[in-house]
C-alpha atoms as a PDB file:
ATOM      1  CA  GLY A   1     -52.287 -38.077  24.512  1.00  0.00           C
ATOM      2  CA  TYR A   2     -53.859 -40.038  21.901  1.00  0.00           C
ATOM      3  CA  TRP A   3     -54.341 -40.614  18.266  1.00  0.00           C
ATOM      4  CA  ASP A   4     -57.685 -39.979  16.411  1.00  0.00           C
ATOM      5  CA  LEU A   5     -57.406 -41.727  13.068  1.00  0.00           C
ATOM      6  CA  ASP A   6     -60.014 -41.740  10.443  1.00  0.00           C
ATOM      7  CA  ASN A   7     -60.151 -43.457   6.900  1.00  0.00           C
ATOM      8  CA  VAL A   8     -56.865 -45.557   7.840  1.00  0.00           C
ATOM      9  CA  ARG A   9     -56.049 -48.015   4.799  1.00  0.00           C
ATOM     10  CA  LEU A  10     -53.455 -50.591   5.212  1.00  0.00           C
ATOM     11  CA  THR A  11     -51.954 -52.168   2.096  1.00  0.00           C
ATOM     12  CA  ALA A  12     -49.577 -55.108   1.744  1.00  0.00           C
ATOM     13  CA  VAL A  13     -46.541 -54.260  -0.650  1.00  0.00           C
ATOM     14  CA  THR A  14     -44.575 -57.251  -2.282  1.00  0.00           C
ATOM     15  CA  GLU A  15     -41.074 -56.868  -1.601  1.00  0.00           C
ATOM     16  CA  SER A  16     -39.053 -56.210  -4.818  1.00  0.00           C
ATOM     17  CA  ILE A  17     -36.434 -59.025  -5.470  1.00  0.00           C
ATOM     18  CA  THR A  18     -34.679 -61.042  -7.969  1.00  0.00           C
ATOM     19  CA  THR A  19     -34.846 -64.648  -8.624  1.00  0.00           C
ATOM     20  CA  ASN A  20     -34.008 -67.508 -10.953  1.00  0.00           C
ATOM     21  CA  PRO A  21     -30.549 -66.326 -11.929  1.00  0.00           C
ATOM     22  CA  VAL A  22     -29.152 -68.381 -14.970  1.00  0.00           C
ATOM     23  CA  TRP A  23     -25.874 -68.251 -16.896  1.00  0.00           C
ATOM     24  CA  THR A  24     -26.274 -69.838 -20.472  1.00  0.00           C
ATOM     25  CA  ASN A  25     -24.022 -69.286 -23.632  1.00  0.00           C
ATOM     26  CA  GLY A  26     -22.616 -65.869 -22.472  1.00  0.00           C
ATOM     27  CA  THR A  27     -26.058 -64.431 -21.525  1.00  0.00           C
ATOM     28  CA  PHE A  28     -26.889 -63.769 -17.941  1.00  0.00           C
ATOM     29  CA  ALA A  29     -30.493 -63.546 -16.869  1.00  0.00           C
ATOM     30  CA  PHE A  30     -32.847 -63.090 -13.931  1.00  0.00           C
ATOM     31  CA  THR A  31     -36.303 -62.572 -13.000  1.00  0.00           C
ATOM     32  CA  VAL A  32     -37.648 -59.423 -11.319  1.00  0.00           C
ATOM     33  CA  GLN A  33     -40.246 -59.682  -8.952  1.00  0.00           C
ATOM     34  CA  SER A  34     -42.171 -56.751  -7.587  1.00  0.00           C
ATOM     35  CA  GLU A  35     -45.509 -54.966  -7.454  1.00  0.00           C
ATOM     36  CA  PRO A  36     -47.077 -54.401 -11.039  1.00  0.00           C
ATOM     37  CA  ALA A  37     -46.164 -51.199 -12.825  1.00  0.00           C
ATOM     38  CA  VAL A  38     -42.843 -50.682 -11.032  1.00  0.00           C
ATOM     39  CA  ARG A  39     -39.946 -49.312 -13.088  1.00  0.00           C
ATOM     40  CA  PHE A  40     -36.527 -50.292 -12.344  1.00  0.00           C
ATOM     41  CA  GLY A  41     -33.061 -49.098 -13.558  1.00  0.00           C
ATOM     42  CA  VAL A  42     -30.423 -51.907 -13.974  1.00  0.00           C
ATOM     43  CA  LEU A  43     -27.114 -51.012 -13.269  1.00  0.00           C
ATOM     44  CA  ALA A  44     -23.918 -53.202 -13.377  1.00  0.00           C
ATOM     45  CA  SER A  45     -20.165 -53.247 -12.254  1.00  0.00           C
ATOM     46  CA  THR A  46     -17.266 -55.349 -12.090  1.00  0.00           C
ATOM     47  CA  ASN A  47     -16.118 -53.779  -8.602  1.00  0.00           C
ATOM     48  CA  LEU A  48     -18.637 -53.944  -5.924  1.00  0.00           C
ATOM     49  CA  ALA A  49     -17.004 -51.286  -3.952  1.00  0.00           C
ATOM     50  CA  LEU A  50     -17.456 -48.519  -6.351  1.00  0.00           C
ATOM     51  CA  PRO A  51     -20.186 -45.774  -5.649  1.00  0.00           C
ATOM     52  CA  VAL A  52     -23.415 -46.341  -7.759  1.00  0.00           C
ATOM     53  CA  THR A  53     -22.915 -43.235  -9.826  1.00  0.00           C
ATOM     54  CA  ASN A  54     -19.624 -45.320 -11.321  1.00  0.00           C
ATOM     55  CA  TRP A  55     -21.852 -48.198 -12.236  1.00  0.00           C
ATOM     56  CA  THR A  56     -22.886 -48.817 -15.802  1.00  0.00           C
ATOM     57  CA  PRO A  57     -26.705 -48.230 -16.699  1.00  0.00           C
ATOM     58  CA  LEU A  58     -27.979 -51.403 -18.400  1.00  0.00           C
ATOM     59  CA  GLY A  59     -31.565 -50.236 -19.216  1.00  0.00           C
ATOM     60  CA  VAL A  60     -34.934 -49.931 -17.581  1.00  0.00           C
ATOM     61  CA  VAL A  61     -37.289 -52.730 -16.358  1.00  0.00           C
ATOM     62  CA  THR A  62     -40.959 -51.943 -16.328  1.00  0.00           C
ATOM     63  CA  ASN A  63     -42.279 -54.753 -14.295  1.00  0.00           C
ATOM     64  CA  ALA A  64     -46.047 -54.682 -15.916  1.00  0.00           C
ATOM     65  CA  THR A  65     -47.208 -57.830 -14.258  1.00  0.00           C
ATOM     66  CA  GLY A  66     -45.311 -58.371 -11.161  1.00  0.00           C
ATOM     67  CA  THR A  67     -42.647 -60.708 -12.876  1.00  0.00           C
ATOM     68  CA  THR A  68     -40.366 -59.878 -15.718  1.00  0.00           C
ATOM     69  CA  PRO A  69     -37.221 -61.320 -17.089  1.00  0.00           C
ATOM     70  CA  PHE A  70     -33.909 -59.469 -17.538  1.00  0.00           C
ATOM     71  CA  ASN A  71     -31.288 -60.520 -19.886  1.00  0.00           C
ATOM     72  CA  ASP A  72     -27.694 -59.208 -20.070  1.00  0.00           C
ATOM     73  CA  THR A  73     -26.336 -60.383 -23.613  1.00  0.00           C
ATOM     74  CA  ASN A  74     -23.178 -58.107 -23.114  1.00  0.00           C
ATOM     75  CA  THR A  75     -21.379 -60.439 -20.643  1.00  0.00           C
ATOM     76  CA  THR A  76     -17.755 -60.130 -21.644  1.00  0.00           C
ATOM     77  CA  VAL A  77     -16.376 -60.180 -18.066  1.00  0.00           C
ATOM     78  CA  SER A  78     -15.970 -62.963 -15.883  1.00  0.00           C
ATOM     79  CA  GLN A  79     -17.558 -61.131 -12.564  1.00  0.00           C
ATOM     80  CA  ARG A  80     -20.290 -58.600 -12.799  1.00  0.00           C
ATOM     81  CA  PHE A  81     -22.600 -57.310 -10.293  1.00  0.00           C
ATOM     82  CA  TYR A  82     -26.176 -56.177 -10.841  1.00  0.00           C
ATOM     83  CA  LEU A  83     -28.252 -53.375  -8.864  1.00  0.00           C
ATOM     84  CA  LEU A  84     -31.715 -52.458  -9.130  1.00  0.00           C
ATOM     85  CA  ARG A  85     -32.905 -49.026  -8.462  1.00  0.00           C
ATOM     86  CA  GLN A  86     -36.843 -48.225  -8.275  1.00  0.00           C
ATOM     87  CA  LEU A  87     -37.457 -45.340 -10.320  1.00  0.00           C
ATOM     88  CA  PRO A  88     -40.078 -42.478  -9.834  1.00  0.00           C
END
């Protein structure tokens, strides 16, 4: 057998990551790096073992340029986990 391919295009895609975590005066912030125009839902939980359906939605980040900050100003707990889910 063989493959017959026409008009194949390979595109490099930047992996989505968070960088620069900072805790300052009761505010936790980090930077989201991804492909431009990608939207993420930001979720938080004090218990990493909870199912994602039980995490608290904090908002939506649209990464217009490829790098965008996120600030959580409601950090009244001593420990909190964050999760970014790519949205359609």
